[in-house]
Amino acid sequence: MHLERANLHPEAFPTQKHYPFNLAIFSQTRSFEFPAPVTFFVGENGTGKSTLLKALVQKCGIQIWGEVERRRFEI
């Protein structure tokens, strides 16, 4: 599927007083155009979006980001 445009309908927002609906982009923008294909990974926290991207990167043999090893505590 290739979305060419996404239209916003502020009158259908549940509220305009709270985040994210109070951001200027929602009141000043009526549509977003996508002239080229775009991929969105959408989901709740912990559903595997980053894991899927890391698996794709590893399978393709490319490195697009580096992880910094961080210690949670020092002894």
N, C-alpha and C. Protein backbone atom coordinates (compact mmCIF):
# COMPACT_ATOMS: atom_id res chain seq x y z
N MET A 1 0.84 -1.15 0.00
CA MET A 1 0.00 0.00 0.00
C MET A 1 0.90 1.23 0.00
N HIS A 2 0.57 2.22 -0.78
CA HIS A 2 1.32 3.47 -0.81
C HIS A 2 0.37 4.61 -0.49
N LEU A 3 0.55 5.18 0.68
CA LEU A 3 -0.24 6.35 1.05
C LEU A 3 0.33 7.56 0.33
N GLU A 4 -0.52 8.30 -0.32
CA GLU A 4 -0.09 9.52 -0.99
C GLU A 4 -0.32 10.74 -0.11
N ARG A 5 -1.28 10.63 0.79
CA ARG A 5 -1.61 11.77 1.64
C ARG A 5 -2.31 11.30 2.91
N ALA A 6 -2.08 12.01 3.99
CA ALA A 6 -2.81 11.78 5.24
C ALA A 6 -3.47 13.10 5.62
N ASN A 7 -4.78 13.08 5.77
CA ASN A 7 -5.54 14.28 6.12
C ASN A 7 -5.85 14.29 7.61
N LEU A 8 -5.73 15.46 8.21
CA LEU A 8 -6.07 15.64 9.62
C LEU A 8 -7.45 16.29 9.73
N HIS A 9 -8.22 15.84 10.70
CA HIS A 9 -9.55 16.39 10.95
C HIS A 9 -9.63 16.82 12.42
N PRO A 10 -9.17 18.04 12.73
CA PRO A 10 -9.12 18.49 14.13
C PRO A 10 -10.47 18.43 14.84
N GLU A 11 -11.55 18.58 14.10
CA GLU A 11 -12.87 18.54 14.73
C GLU A 11 -13.19 17.15 15.28
N ALA A 12 -12.45 16.15 14.85
CA ALA A 12 -12.67 14.78 15.33
C ALA A 12 -11.73 14.39 16.46
N PHE A 13 -10.79 15.28 16.82
CA PHE A 13 -9.88 14.98 17.93
C PHE A 13 -10.67 14.88 19.22
N PRO A 14 -10.29 13.97 20.12
CA PRO A 14 -11.00 13.87 21.40
C PRO A 14 -10.85 15.12 22.26
N THR A 15 -9.75 15.82 22.10
CA THR A 15 -9.50 17.06 22.84
C THR A 15 -8.45 17.86 22.09
N GLN A 16 -8.43 19.15 22.31
CA GLN A 16 -7.35 19.98 21.77
C GLN A 16 -6.60 20.64 22.90
N LYS A 17 -6.89 20.21 24.12
CA LYS A 17 -6.27 20.79 25.31
C LYS A 17 -5.06 20.00 25.79
N HIS A 18 -4.96 18.75 25.38
CA HIS A 18 -3.91 17.88 25.91
C HIS A 18 -3.04 17.32 24.79
N TYR A 19 -1.82 16.94 25.19
CA TYR A 19 -0.85 16.34 24.28
C TYR A 19 -1.40 15.04 23.70
N PRO A 20 -1.18 14.71 22.48
CA PRO A 20 -0.42 15.44 21.47
C PRO A 20 -1.27 16.40 20.65
N PHE A 21 -2.58 16.44 20.93
CA PHE A 21 -3.48 17.24 20.10
C PHE A 21 -3.32 18.74 20.29
N ASN A 22 -2.59 19.16 21.34
CA ASN A 22 -2.36 20.59 21.54
C ASN A 22 -1.10 21.08 20.84
N LEU A 23 -0.39 20.22 20.13
CA LEU A 23 0.79 20.63 19.38
C LEU A 23 0.38 21.46 18.17
N ALA A 24 1.21 22.45 17.85
CA ALA A 24 0.90 23.36 16.74
C ALA A 24 0.69 22.61 15.42
N ILE A 25 1.43 21.54 15.22
CA ILE A 25 1.30 20.81 13.95
C ILE A 25 -0.13 20.33 13.71
N PHE A 26 -0.86 20.01 14.77
CA PHE A 26 -2.22 19.53 14.61
C PHE A 26 -3.21 20.65 14.32
N SER A 27 -2.91 21.86 14.75
CA SER A 27 -3.83 22.96 14.47
C SER A 27 -3.46 23.72 13.20
N GLN A 28 -2.20 23.64 12.78
CA GLN A 28 -1.75 24.41 11.62
C GLN A 28 -1.61 23.59 10.35
N THR A 29 -1.73 22.29 10.43
CA THR A 29 -1.53 21.43 9.27
C THR A 29 -2.81 20.65 9.00
N ARG A 30 -3.23 20.64 7.77
CA ARG A 30 -4.44 19.91 7.39
C ARG A 30 -4.14 18.58 6.70
N SER A 31 -2.95 18.48 6.08
CA SER A 31 -2.61 17.21 5.45
C SER A 31 -1.10 17.07 5.30
N PHE A 32 -0.66 15.84 5.21
CA PHE A 32 0.73 15.50 4.95
C PHE A 32 0.76 14.77 3.61
N GLU A 33 1.65 15.17 2.73
CA GLU A 33 1.78 14.47 1.45
C GLU A 33 3.04 13.62 1.47
N PHE A 34 2.94 12.44 0.89
CA PHE A 34 4.06 11.51 0.80
C PHE A 34 4.33 11.24 -0.68
N PRO A 35 5.20 12.02 -1.32
CA PRO A 35 5.46 11.83 -2.75
C PRO A 35 6.23 10.54 -3.06
N ALA A 36 6.89 9.99 -2.07
CA ALA A 36 7.62 8.74 -2.24
C ALA A 36 7.16 7.76 -1.16
N PRO A 37 7.31 6.47 -1.39
CA PRO A 37 6.90 5.49 -0.37
C PRO A 37 7.63 5.70 0.95
N VAL A 38 6.89 5.58 2.04
CA VAL A 38 7.42 5.73 3.39
C VAL A 38 6.95 4.54 4.20
N THR A 39 7.82 4.01 5.04
CA THR A 39 7.46 2.89 5.90
C THR A 39 7.32 3.39 7.34
N PHE A 40 6.22 3.02 7.98
CA PHE A 40 5.98 3.38 9.37
C PHE A 40 5.95 2.10 10.20
N PHE A 41 6.67 2.09 11.31
CA PHE A 41 6.58 1.01 12.29
C PHE A 41 5.85 1.59 13.48
N VAL A 42 4.64 1.13 13.71
CA VAL A 42 3.79 1.70 14.74
C VAL A 42 3.37 0.60 15.70
N GLY A 43 3.39 0.90 17.00
CA GLY A 43 2.92 -0.07 17.97
C GLY A 43 3.23 0.38 19.38
N GLU A 44 2.62 -0.29 20.31
CA GLU A 44 2.83 0.02 21.73
C GLU A 44 4.26 -0.31 22.12
N ASN A 45 4.70 0.26 23.24
CA ASN A 45 6.02 -0.06 23.78
C ASN A 45 6.10 -1.56 24.06
N GLY A 46 7.24 -2.14 23.72
CA GLY A 46 7.46 -3.55 24.02
C GLY A 46 6.88 -4.52 23.00
N THR A 47 6.41 -4.03 21.85
CA THR A 47 5.81 -4.94 20.87
C THR A 47 6.79 -5.44 19.82
N GLY A 48 8.06 -4.98 19.87
CA GLY A 48 9.08 -5.53 18.99
C GLY A 48 9.47 -4.69 17.79
N LYS A 49 9.12 -3.42 17.76
CA LYS A 49 9.48 -2.58 16.62
C LYS A 49 10.99 -2.50 16.44
N SER A 50 11.70 -2.17 17.50
CA SER A 50 13.17 -2.06 17.42
C SER A 50 13.80 -3.41 17.14
N THR A 51 13.27 -4.46 17.72
CA THR A 51 13.79 -5.80 17.49
C THR A 51 13.65 -6.18 16.02
N LEU A 52 12.52 -5.87 15.42
CA LEU A 52 12.32 -6.16 14.00
C LEU A 52 13.31 -5.38 13.14
N LEU A 53 13.50 -4.10 13.43
CA LEU A 53 14.46 -3.30 12.67
C LEU A 53 15.88 -3.84 12.82
N LYS A 54 16.26 -4.21 14.04
CA LYS A 54 17.60 -4.76 14.26
C LYS A 54 17.78 -6.08 13.50
N ALA A 55 16.75 -6.92 13.47
CA ALA A 55 16.84 -8.18 12.73
C ALA A 55 16.99 -7.93 11.23
N LEU A 56 16.26 -6.97 10.70
CA LEU A 56 16.38 -6.64 9.28
C LEU A 56 17.77 -6.13 8.94
N VAL A 57 18.29 -5.25 9.80
CA VAL A 57 19.63 -4.70 9.59
C VAL A 57 20.67 -5.81 9.63
N GLN A 58 20.57 -6.70 10.60
CA GLN A 58 21.53 -7.79 10.72
C GLN A 58 21.44 -8.72 9.51
N LYS A 59 20.24 -9.06 9.10
CA LYS A 59 20.06 -9.97 7.95
C LYS A 59 20.61 -9.35 6.67
N CYS A 60 20.48 -8.04 6.53
CA CYS A 60 20.98 -7.34 5.33
C CYS A 60 22.48 -7.08 5.41
N GLY A 61 23.07 -7.29 6.57
CA GLY A 61 24.50 -7.10 6.73
C GLY A 61 24.94 -5.65 6.74
N ILE A 62 24.07 -4.78 7.19
CA ILE A 62 24.42 -3.36 7.26
C ILE A 62 24.41 -2.89 8.71
N GLN A 63 25.15 -1.83 8.96
CA GLN A 63 25.19 -1.25 10.30
C GLN A 63 24.72 0.20 10.18
N ILE A 64 23.58 0.50 10.78
CA ILE A 64 23.06 1.86 10.68
C ILE A 64 23.14 2.63 11.99
N TRP A 65 23.39 1.94 13.08
CA TRP A 65 23.57 2.62 14.35
C TRP A 65 24.44 1.74 15.24
N GLY A 66 25.08 2.37 16.16
CA GLY A 66 25.90 1.62 17.10
C GLY A 66 25.32 1.73 18.49
N GLU A 67 25.42 0.66 19.22
CA GLU A 67 24.94 0.68 20.59
C GLU A 67 26.11 0.90 21.52
N VAL A 68 25.91 1.74 22.49
CA VAL A 68 26.93 2.02 23.48
C VAL A 68 26.68 1.12 24.68
N GLU A 69 27.72 0.41 25.09
CA GLU A 69 27.57 -0.45 26.27
C GLU A 69 27.54 0.43 27.50
N ARG A 70 26.51 0.29 28.30
CA ARG A 70 26.36 1.09 29.51
C ARG A 70 26.23 0.17 30.71
N ARG A 71 26.96 0.49 31.73
CA ARG A 71 26.84 -0.28 32.97
C ARG A 71 25.78 0.37 33.83
N ARG A 72 24.98 -0.46 34.44
CA ARG A 72 23.92 0.06 35.29
C ARG A 72 24.44 0.47 36.67
N PHE A 73 25.55 -0.12 37.06
CA PHE A 73 26.15 0.23 38.35
C PHE A 73 27.63 -0.10 38.30
N GLU A 74 28.37 0.47 39.19
CA GLU A 74 29.79 0.18 39.28
C GLU A 74 30.10 -0.39 40.65
N ILE A 75 31.02 -1.33 40.68
CA ILE A 75 31.40 -1.97 41.95
C ILE A 75 32.74 -1.42 42.38
